[in-house]
Amino acid sequence: MSSSEKVPIELPDGVGLRRLPPKSHRSRNAPPEWDVMLDGARIGWIEQWNVRSASSTFYRATAVHPGTGAPIPLESSTDLAERVEKVVAAWKDPARFVRKSSWD
């Protein structure tokens, strides 16, 4: 995030959010997206989205597996701070969050 942008939540020590530019310049009202940073390294990202029939704002989180670099999709929530915590938790202990099929 640039120094002029205020972080929308209180973050733990060493954790930061960096607002990403819109994916397309054609979309004027693109929902915000953030990189989740831990000690300067990107460990995941969060996308904001809205349900048209509801007034709630949701946050879809994805962590990055520290060993493989593969994305670890996490569930959505209306609490941005909780999603940041979940990305950090998934990066620190990815085995808890990697989904496996029932026949493996």
Protein backbone atom coordinates (compact mmCIF):
# COMPACT_ATOMS: atom_id res chain seq x y z
CA MET A 1 0.00 0.00 0.00
CA SER A 2 1.19 3.48 -0.56
CA SER A 3 1.83 5.53 2.52
CA SER A 4 -1.24 7.67 1.77
CA GLU A 5 -3.62 4.69 1.85
CA LYS A 6 -4.95 3.68 5.24
CA VAL A 7 -5.01 -0.02 6.04
CA PRO A 8 -8.70 -0.89 6.62
CA ILE A 9 -7.94 -3.05 9.70
CA GLU A 10 -5.48 -3.47 12.57
CA LEU A 11 -2.76 -5.92 11.53
CA PRO A 12 -0.48 -8.17 13.62
CA ASP A 13 3.24 -7.35 13.78
CA GLY A 14 5.09 -8.23 10.58
CA VAL A 15 1.86 -8.56 8.55
CA GLY A 16 0.87 -6.05 5.90
CA LEU A 17 -1.70 -5.52 3.17
CA ARG A 18 -0.72 -4.10 -0.19
CA ARG A 19 -3.62 -2.88 -2.32
CA LEU A 20 -3.38 -4.19 -5.85
CA PRO A 21 -4.26 -2.11 -8.90
CA PRO A 22 -7.43 -3.12 -10.76
CA LYS A 23 -6.96 -6.04 -13.17
CA SER A 24 -8.58 -4.02 -15.94
CA HIS A 25 -8.59 -0.29 -16.54
CA ARG A 26 -11.99 -0.69 -18.18
CA SER A 27 -13.68 -1.58 -14.90
CA ARG A 28 -14.21 1.62 -12.94
CA ASN A 29 -15.70 0.02 -9.86
CA ALA A 30 -13.60 -3.10 -9.56
CA PRO A 31 -13.68 -4.49 -6.02
CA PRO A 32 -10.41 -4.09 -4.14
CA GLU A 33 -7.81 -6.82 -3.87
CA TRP A 34 -4.82 -7.02 -1.54
CA ASP A 35 -1.59 -8.98 -1.30
CA VAL A 36 -1.01 -10.32 2.22
CA MET A 37 2.61 -9.77 3.20
CA LEU A 38 4.53 -11.35 6.09
CA ASP A 39 7.89 -9.74 6.84
CA GLY A 40 7.95 -8.37 3.29
CA ALA A 41 7.15 -11.67 1.52
CA ARG A 42 3.85 -12.29 -0.28
CA ILE A 43 2.07 -15.18 1.44
CA GLY A 44 -1.39 -14.84 -0.11
CA TRP A 45 -4.07 -12.50 -1.37
CA ILE A 46 -7.60 -11.40 -0.55
CA GLU A 47 -10.36 -10.39 -2.97
CA GLN A 48 -13.40 -8.40 -1.93
CA TRP A 49 -16.76 -9.32 -3.46
CA ASN A 50 -20.42 -8.53 -2.89
CA VAL A 51 -23.59 -10.52 -3.28
CA ARG A 52 -26.00 -8.41 -5.28
CA SER A 53 -29.03 -9.43 -3.22
CA ALA A 54 -27.27 -8.81 0.11
CA SER A 55 -25.69 -5.76 1.65
CA SER A 56 -22.74 -7.68 3.09
CA THR A 57 -19.21 -7.44 1.78
CA PHE A 58 -17.28 -10.71 1.58
CA TYR A 59 -13.56 -11.42 1.42
CA ARG A 60 -12.22 -14.45 -0.48
CA ALA A 61 -8.77 -15.46 0.77
CA THR A 62 -6.05 -17.54 -0.84
CA ALA A 63 -2.78 -18.49 0.85
CA VAL A 64 0.42 -19.55 -0.90
CA HIS A 65 1.94 -22.90 0.14
CA PRO A 66 5.41 -22.05 1.52
CA GLY A 67 7.02 -25.19 0.07
CA THR A 68 5.39 -25.55 -3.33
CA GLY A 69 4.05 -22.08 -4.06
CA ALA A 70 0.67 -23.62 -4.90
CA PRO A 71 -2.44 -21.62 -4.02
CA ILE A 72 -4.44 -22.78 -0.99
CA PRO A 73 -8.04 -21.56 -1.42
CA LEU A 74 -9.71 -20.57 1.85
CA GLU A 75 -13.39 -19.95 2.53
CA SER A 76 -14.93 -16.51 2.28
CA SER A 77 -15.95 -14.40 5.25
CA THR A 78 -17.37 -10.97 5.98
CA ASP A 79 -14.48 -10.24 8.37
CA LEU A 80 -11.35 -8.94 6.61
CA ALA A 81 -9.15 -9.16 9.73
CA GLU A 82 -10.15 -12.80 10.21
CA ARG A 83 -9.28 -13.58 6.57
CA VAL A 84 -5.80 -12.04 7.04
CA GLU A 85 -5.29 -14.20 10.14
CA LYS A 86 -6.44 -17.27 8.20
CA VAL A 87 -3.96 -16.58 5.37
CA VAL A 88 -1.13 -16.30 7.91
CA ALA A 89 -2.27 -19.51 9.64
CA ALA A 90 -2.47 -21.39 6.31
CA TRP A 91 1.00 -20.22 5.32
CA LYS A 92 2.47 -21.29 8.69
CA ASP A 93 0.69 -24.69 8.75
CA PRO A 94 -0.53 -25.52 5.22
CA ALA A 95 -1.33 -29.16 6.05
CA ARG A 96 -4.34 -27.97 8.09
CA PHE A 97 -5.84 -26.21 5.07
CA VAL A 98 -4.95 -28.33 2.02
CA ARG A 99 -8.05 -30.23 0.94
CA LYS A 100 -7.68 -33.87 -0.02
CA SER A 101 -10.22 -35.99 -1.83
CA SER A 102 -11.92 -38.69 0.22
CA TRP A 103 -10.50 -41.50 -1.94
CA ASP A 104 -6.81 -40.52 -1.46
